[in-house]
Amino acid sequence: MKIINFGSLNIDNVYRVDRLVLSGNTIDSKGYKVFSGGKGLNQSVAISKAGVSEVYHVGNIGMNGEFLMYTLLEHGINTDFIKRSSCKTGHAVIQVADNAEHTIIIHGGSNHNIDIDFIDSVLQEFQAGDLLLLQNEINNVGYIIDTAYEKGLVIILNPAPANEKILEYDLSKIDTLIVNESELYQCARTNHLKDAIDIIRQKGINLLLTLGCKGGIYYSKDHKEYKYLAYKVDEVDTTAIGDAFVGYFVAGLTKYDDMTQILDLSSRAAALTATNMGASNSIPSLDEVLSFNKEGKNCYED
């Protein structure tokens, strides 16, 4: 089984600040760095760092995004299906405050220049049973879902960042939906947690609901539930913690049979990611995750 991640490639412009800037305010930056990022790239790196040797990243970069290719190649990720466009590469402006909170502004750029012909040409290279991972930072996600479903690919969707586009996706065609609470509400079109969970589960798919410091719950198609705990760490930057979790989860599906183990390793990876500055570069290796010995606690209770 091959893992294909059809996802974004972003240049992350990260500004370190005392506090997140408010409306009408101007503040000084304490530091500025450029990182390789985008939910797609981050999740591909996480899958590779989790020990999967065959990962295919599919996406689109502009004229100024060549170094993103090098990041993927450094982690052994296949880049044969990355398209180059004449437009600007997607980028993000990220504020990271001293308390590790962050805000992100994303400009789609080349990530929103993925056409149907390109999608068709890529997906014809893969076959039924291959695993396809998707996020929501590229265009034509709905078409990718429909086409991949017809080919028999196993589709995992992490519809972040959530927006009105996700209402167009046929979620019954995916295998697993990975969402936080607010994304769940948008997908289910209700703000009542139990109703939202029931609506998604009625589609006959797996649901992985992440709940931040409360851990999360995995609801399987066969009506089993698996809860996992969060891990308390000294946070430096919470950027990419969700991507680390998703990447390790996807990798775990191909490496382990025990869902409890998969979820715990994913939670550990997310926690460790928050202890470093940056995006893809902050995601830990499998050895680091396995040696992480802190105790998981819901709501970070002492």
Protein backbone atom coordinates (compact mmCIF):
# COMPACT_ATOMS: atom_id res chain seq x y z
CA MET A 1 0.00 0.00 0.00
CA LYS A 2 1.32 3.41 -1.00
CA ILE A 3 0.63 6.59 0.97
CA ILE A 4 -0.23 9.62 -1.18
CA ASN A 5 -0.56 13.03 0.44
CA PHE A 6 -2.25 15.45 -1.95
CA GLY A 7 -1.64 18.62 0.00
CA SER A 8 -0.33 22.12 0.43
CA LEU A 9 3.22 23.43 0.28
CA ASN A 10 3.69 26.74 2.10
CA ILE A 11 6.47 29.14 2.94
CA ASP A 12 5.96 29.95 6.63
CA ASN A 13 6.97 33.47 7.67
CA VAL A 14 7.13 33.26 11.46
CA TYR A 15 7.29 36.30 13.73
CA ARG A 16 8.07 35.93 17.43
CA VAL A 17 6.12 38.45 19.53
CA ASP A 18 5.47 39.24 23.19
CA ARG A 19 1.73 38.95 22.59
CA LEU A 20 -0.55 38.49 19.62
CA VAL A 21 -1.27 41.79 17.93
CA LEU A 22 -4.78 43.17 18.43
CA SER A 23 -6.95 45.22 16.11
CA GLY A 24 -5.63 48.77 15.78
CA ASN A 25 -2.29 47.90 17.44
CA THR A 26 1.25 47.87 16.09
CA ILE A 27 3.91 45.83 17.87
CA ASP A 28 7.56 45.01 17.32
CA SER A 29 8.69 41.53 16.36
CA LYS A 30 11.27 39.87 18.60
CA GLY A 31 12.44 37.65 15.78
CA TYR A 32 11.68 36.46 12.26
CA LYS A 33 12.37 33.10 10.61
CA VAL A 34 11.30 31.32 7.43
CA PHE A 35 10.31 27.65 7.59
CA SER A 36 8.97 24.97 5.27
CA GLY A 37 5.30 24.46 6.07
CA GLY A 38 1.75 23.99 4.93
CA LYS A 39 -0.49 21.31 6.39
CA GLY A 40 0.28 19.02 3.48
CA LEU A 41 4.06 19.27 3.74
CA ASN A 42 3.99 19.05 7.54
CA GLN A 43 1.90 15.89 7.47
CA SER A 44 4.11 14.25 4.85
CA VAL A 45 7.17 14.98 6.97
CA ALA A 46 5.40 13.57 10.03
CA ILE A 47 4.51 10.36 8.19
CA SER A 48 8.12 9.96 7.11
CA LYS A 49 9.50 10.73 10.57
CA ALA A 50 7.11 8.13 11.99
CA GLY A 51 8.98 5.50 10.02
CA VAL A 52 7.13 5.13 6.71
CA SER A 53 9.58 4.80 3.83
CA GLU A 54 7.22 5.22 0.87
CA VAL A 55 5.38 8.55 0.99
CA TYR A 56 4.32 10.42 -2.16
CA HIS A 57 3.65 14.12 -1.81
CA VAL A 58 1.47 15.66 -4.51
CA GLY A 59 1.11 19.41 -4.80
CA ASN A 60 2.04 22.63 -6.52
CA ILE A 61 4.83 25.13 -5.90
CA GLY A 62 5.55 28.48 -7.49
CA MET A 63 8.75 30.08 -8.66
CA ASN A 64 9.96 30.89 -5.14
CA GLY A 65 9.20 27.56 -3.48
CA GLU A 66 12.00 25.27 -4.60
CA PHE A 67 13.39 24.91 -1.08
CA LEU A 68 10.13 23.19 -0.06
CA MET A 69 11.05 20.39 -2.48
CA TYR A 70 14.40 20.05 -0.74
CA THR A 71 12.67 19.70 2.62
CA LEU A 72 10.60 16.80 1.32
CA LEU A 73 13.60 15.16 -0.33
CA GLU A 74 15.62 15.46 2.88
CA HIS A 75 13.03 13.26 4.55
CA GLY A 76 12.95 10.68 1.77
CA ILE A 77 9.56 11.78 0.44
CA ASN A 78 8.80 11.17 -3.24
CA THR A 79 8.36 14.46 -5.15
CA ASP A 80 7.69 13.08 -8.64
CA PHE A 81 4.13 14.45 -8.57
CA ILE A 82 4.86 18.02 -7.53
CA LYS A 83 3.88 20.53 -10.19
CA ARG A 84 5.63 23.87 -10.76
CA SER A 85 3.58 26.97 -11.55
CA SER A 86 4.41 30.51 -12.65
CA CYS A 87 2.42 31.99 -9.74
CA LYS A 88 3.73 32.63 -6.24
CA THR A 89 4.08 29.72 -3.84
CA GLY A 90 1.50 29.53 -1.07
CA HIS A 91 2.65 31.21 2.11
CA ALA A 92 1.63 31.91 5.67
CA VAL A 93 2.19 34.79 8.08
CA ILE A 94 2.41 33.39 11.60
CA GLN A 95 2.60 35.19 14.92
CA VAL A 96 3.93 33.16 17.86
CA ALA A 97 3.55 34.73 21.30
CA ASP A 98 5.62 34.06 24.42
CA ASN A 99 2.79 31.90 25.81
CA ALA A 100 3.07 29.69 22.65
CA GLU A 101 -0.29 30.83 21.24
CA HIS A 102 -0.27 31.65 17.55
CA THR A 103 -2.30 33.14 14.73
CA ILE A 104 -1.95 32.26 11.05
CA ILE A 105 -2.87 34.05 7.84
CA ILE A 106 -2.64 31.85 4.74
CA HIS A 107 -2.30 32.96 1.13
CA GLY A 108 -3.18 30.02 -1.13
CA GLY A 109 -0.99 30.95 -4.10
CA SER A 110 0.10 27.88 -6.07
CA ASN A 111 -1.87 25.63 -3.70
CA HIS A 112 -5.02 27.00 -5.31
CA ASN A 113 -3.77 26.37 -8.84
CA ILE A 114 -4.36 22.60 -8.99
CA ASP A 115 -6.42 21.73 -12.06
CA ILE A 116 -8.51 18.68 -12.88
CA ASP A 117 -6.18 17.42 -15.62
CA PHE A 118 -3.30 17.36 -13.12
CA ILE A 119 -5.44 15.50 -10.57
CA ASP A 120 -6.45 12.90 -13.15
CA SER A 121 -2.88 12.40 -14.34
CA VAL A 122 -1.64 11.83 -10.79
CA LEU A 123 -4.38 9.53 -9.53
CA GLN A 124 -4.08 7.24 -12.55
CA GLU A 125 -0.63 6.29 -11.23
CA PHE A 126 -2.11 4.73 -8.08
CA GLN A 127 -4.46 1.84 -7.48
CA ALA A 128 -7.23 0.54 -5.26
CA GLY A 129 -6.14 0.07 -1.66
CA ASP A 130 -3.56 2.86 -1.69
CA LEU A 131 -4.06 5.41 1.07
CA LEU A 132 -4.80 9.02 0.14
CA LEU A 133 -4.47 11.82 2.70
CA LEU A 134 -6.13 15.20 2.14
CA GLN A 135 -6.38 18.51 3.99
CA ASN A 136 -8.25 21.69 3.07
CA GLU A 137 -5.49 24.05 1.92
CA ILE A 138 -5.70 23.21 -1.79
CA ASN A 139 -8.45 23.66 -4.36
CA ASN A 140 -10.56 20.93 -6.00
CA VAL A 141 -10.58 18.72 -2.89
CA GLY A 142 -14.13 17.61 -3.67
CA TYR A 143 -13.08 16.44 -7.14
CA ILE A 144 -10.09 14.60 -5.69
CA ILE A 145 -12.37 12.79 -3.23
CA ASP A 146 -14.83 11.78 -5.96
CA THR A 147 -12.12 10.57 -8.34
CA ALA A 148 -10.11 8.72 -5.68
CA TYR A 149 -13.27 7.03 -4.43
CA GLU A 150 -14.06 5.72 -7.91
CA LYS A 151 -10.55 4.26 -8.05
CA GLY A 152 -10.95 2.52 -4.71
CA LEU A 153 -8.38 4.52 -2.80
CA VAL A 154 -8.67 4.67 0.99
CA ILE A 155 -9.30 8.35 1.75
CA ILE A 156 -8.40 10.10 5.01
CA LEU A 157 -9.58 13.70 5.25
CA ASN A 158 -8.40 16.34 7.70
CA PRO A 159 -10.56 19.30 6.56
CA ALA A 160 -8.43 22.03 8.09
CA PRO A 161 -8.61 24.92 7.94
CA ALA A 162 -12.38 24.56 7.99
CA ASN A 163 -14.41 26.77 5.66
CA GLU A 164 -17.57 26.67 3.59
CA LYS A 165 -15.93 24.40 0.99
CA ILE A 166 -16.15 21.36 3.26
CA LEU A 167 -19.94 21.45 2.97
CA GLU A 168 -19.54 20.42 -0.69
CA TYR A 169 -17.54 17.26 0.06
CA ASP A 170 -19.27 13.88 0.02
CA LEU A 171 -18.01 12.57 3.34
CA SER A 172 -19.62 9.17 2.77
CA LYS A 173 -16.86 8.52 0.21
CA ILE A 174 -14.00 8.82 2.70
CA ASP A 175 -12.71 6.20 5.10
CA THR A 176 -11.69 8.40 8.04
CA LEU A 177 -12.49 11.98 9.02
CA ILE A 178 -10.04 13.70 11.39
CA VAL A 179 -11.45 16.88 12.94
CA ASN A 180 -11.31 19.08 16.01
CA GLU A 181 -14.53 20.16 17.66
CA SER A 182 -15.16 23.29 15.58
CA GLU A 183 -14.41 21.42 12.33
CA LEU A 184 -16.80 18.67 13.39
CA TYR A 185 -19.59 21.21 13.87
CA GLN A 186 -19.03 22.61 10.39
CA CYS A 187 -19.01 19.17 8.76
CA ALA A 188 -22.17 18.11 10.60
CA ARG A 189 -23.90 21.51 10.35
CA THR A 190 -24.82 21.56 14.02
CA ASN A 191 -23.31 23.02 17.19
CA HIS A 192 -24.48 20.19 19.44
CA LEU A 193 -21.60 17.79 20.09
CA LYS A 194 -23.55 14.54 20.47
CA ASP A 195 -25.71 15.28 17.43
CA ALA A 196 -22.64 16.17 15.36
CA ILE A 197 -20.92 12.92 16.26
CA ASP A 198 -24.05 10.92 15.43
CA ILE A 199 -24.49 12.68 12.06
CA ILE A 200 -20.95 11.87 10.97
CA ARG A 201 -21.04 8.29 12.26
CA GLN A 202 -24.25 7.67 10.30
CA LYS A 203 -22.21 8.14 7.13
CA GLY A 204 -20.53 4.80 7.84
CA ILE A 205 -17.02 6.21 8.23
CA ASN A 206 -14.37 6.31 10.96
CA LEU A 207 -14.32 9.51 12.99
CA LEU A 208 -11.28 10.78 14.89
CA LEU A 209 -12.22 13.73 17.10
CA THR A 210 -9.32 15.68 18.62
CA LEU A 211 -10.11 17.68 21.74
CA GLY A 212 -6.88 19.54 22.51
CA CYS A 213 -5.74 19.14 26.11
CA LYS A 214 -8.68 16.79 26.70
CA GLY A 215 -7.15 14.22 24.36
CA GLY A 216 -9.67 12.80 21.92
CA ILE A 217 -11.82 9.88 20.78
CA TYR A 218 -11.69 7.56 17.78
CA TYR A 219 -15.05 6.15 16.68
CA SER A 220 -14.61 3.19 14.34
CA LYS A 221 -16.98 2.01 11.63
CA ASP A 222 -17.65 -1.13 13.66
CA HIS A 223 -18.92 0.95 16.60
CA LYS A 224 -15.85 0.73 18.82
CA GLU A 225 -14.54 3.73 20.73
CA TYR A 226 -10.94 4.45 21.68
CA LYS A 227 -10.01 7.38 23.92
CA TYR A 228 -6.54 8.86 24.16
CA LEU A 229 -4.91 11.33 26.55
CA ALA A 230 -3.03 14.56 25.91
CA TYR A 231 0.50 15.16 27.19
CA LYS A 232 1.54 18.24 29.14
CA VAL A 233 4.80 19.84 28.03
CA ASP A 234 6.49 23.23 28.26
CA GLU A 235 5.08 24.70 25.07
CA VAL A 236 7.19 26.96 22.85
CA ASP A 237 5.14 27.01 19.64
CA THR A 238 1.91 25.12 18.96
CA THR A 239 2.19 25.45 15.17
CA ALA A 240 2.01 22.04 13.42
CA ILE A 241 0.98 20.00 16.47
CA GLY A 242 -2.19 18.91 14.68
CA ASP A 243 -0.18 18.00 11.59
CA ALA A 244 2.23 15.91 13.66
CA PHE A 245 -0.73 14.07 15.17
CA VAL A 246 -2.33 13.39 11.78
CA GLY A 247 0.93 12.28 10.20
CA TYR A 248 1.76 9.86 13.00
CA PHE A 249 -1.81 8.55 12.96
CA VAL A 250 -1.68 7.83 9.23
CA ALA A 251 1.72 6.19 9.58
CA GLY A 252 0.44 4.14 12.49
CA LEU A 253 -2.37 2.70 10.41
CA THR A 254 0.24 1.11 8.15
CA LYS A 255 2.58 -0.04 10.94
CA TYR A 256 0.47 -1.19 13.89
CA ASP A 257 -2.73 -3.15 14.55
CA ASP A 258 -3.47 -1.67 17.97
CA MET A 259 -5.54 1.54 17.68
CA THR A 260 -4.76 2.46 21.30
CA GLN A 261 -1.05 2.39 20.47
CA ILE A 262 -1.53 4.41 17.29
CA LEU A 263 -3.45 7.16 19.09
CA ASP A 264 -0.99 7.33 21.97
CA LEU A 265 2.03 7.66 19.68
CA SER A 266 0.21 10.37 17.73
CA SER A 267 -0.56 12.27 20.93
CA ARG A 268 3.06 12.03 22.06
CA ALA A 269 4.27 13.33 18.69
CA ALA A 270 1.89 16.30 18.90
CA ALA A 271 3.08 17.19 22.40
CA LEU A 272 6.75 17.04 21.45
CA THR A 273 6.12 19.23 18.40
CA ALA A 274 4.98 22.03 20.70
CA THR A 275 8.36 22.10 22.45
CA ASN A 276 10.16 23.50 19.39
CA MET A 277 9.80 26.58 17.21
CA GLY A 278 8.64 26.17 13.62
CA ALA A 279 6.48 23.82 11.59
CA SER A 280 7.81 20.72 9.79
CA ASN A 281 11.20 21.11 11.46
CA SER A 282 9.61 20.84 14.91
CA ILE A 283 8.04 17.41 14.31
CA PRO A 284 9.88 14.72 16.32
CA SER A 285 11.43 11.51 15.05
CA LEU A 286 9.98 8.14 15.98
CA ASP A 287 12.89 7.50 18.36
CA GLU A 288 12.11 10.76 20.18
CA VAL A 289 8.44 9.83 20.43
CA LEU A 290 9.17 6.35 21.73
CA SER A 291 11.55 7.68 24.40
CA PHE A 292 9.12 10.38 25.56
CA ASN A 293 8.12 9.27 29.07
CA LYS A 294 5.77 11.95 30.40
CA GLU A 295 2.34 10.87 31.61
CA GLY A 296 -0.70 11.73 29.53
CA LYS A 297 -3.48 13.60 31.34
CA ASN A 298 -6.86 14.90 30.26
CA CYS A 299 -7.15 18.68 30.60
CA TYR A 300 -3.55 18.75 31.84
CA GLU A 301 -4.70 17.90 35.35
CA ASP A 302 -1.90 17.56 37.91
